[in-house]
Amino acid sequence: MEKNNTKLVVNNIVKDTLYFLIGSFIFSVYINTFTVPNNIIPIGLTGLATIFNHLFGWPIGVMVILMNIPLFLWGIKKVGYKSIAKTIIATTISSLMIDMTKPFLPIYAGDMMLACIFGGLFLGVGLALIFIRGGTTGGTDLISGLLSLYFKGLSVGRLILIVNLIVVICAAFIYSIDSALYAIIIIFVSTKIIDVLLYGTDVGIGKVMFIISKKSDLIAKRILCEAGRGVTKLKAEGAYSGKEGSVLLCAVARQQVYNVYDIIKTTDPKSFIIIGDAGEIVGQGFKLNAGKGQIF
């Protein structure tokens, strides 16, 4: 049993590393091939790092890591290391990849609209691969999640919008208004790509997961501790076998689906899982009265 658990842990580490490396490389193409050469500002801390690169020549990846360090320390203090461990790893890999691949990647200097469309495509695919394994590239997602712990009246989505808006305004002054508008096109394209790759074409606010397993108690405990999501046990009886058991009901944010799925399958590979769309989820950890919510 212990040997099997060790094997699963090793397999997960290998998968995480592989997805983070491939996703980070694709993300670096978005930066070095499409946005920076065309003076299109990326959103988030990468955008700020690009501005510093434009003004002072400082390496983009190194600046992203340095700006994220205070956020990592803040996140560890507020929510614990386990909650942001993959974000720290993915952010470090993606940031280093930006600087390492810059001398080797081609530069696209053609039509600006094509640069936006394909830049958004590469951004969306790269981030989706990182999200699949439970990581993020830090920046606005992490900032907004942490700020939501203090500003209870603002949803995470609104906080992300505010943080990104600040970067866009800076880009408009330092580059041009066109640069800021092109950045908005990239955001739109990348968001659609991420949604399609992670959740298919039918995307709701969140997901509802039904889990049937002989190890339901252990699965519930891991989801509570590792994913920070509540779990409800429903009494059930098999129509064919007549045996009594329980079905776990868990509502999760869209970006947590793969994380929770991995928890279930690493605990019980034979578990039966049903994942459905949730048009709206109201309650603690999601949307509270007047659109309040939180990311952690």
Foldseek 3Di string as FASTA:
>chain_A
DVVLLVVLVVVLVVLLVVLLQVLLLLLLCLVQAQDLVALQAAFFLLSVLSLCCVVPVDQSLVSLLVVCVVLQVLCCVPPRCLLAVLQNVSLNNSSVSNRVCNVPHHYDDDDNLVSLQVSLLSNLSSQLSNLLSPYGNGGLQSVLQSVLVPCQLDASVVSSVVRRVVSLVVSCVSPNVVSSVSNVSSVVNSVCSSCCVQPNPDAAQWKKKKKDDPPVVQLQVCCCPNVVWHKDWDWDADPVPRDIDTIIITIDGSSCVSVSVSSRCSVPVPMDMDMDHDNDDEDAQAQYDNGGHHDD
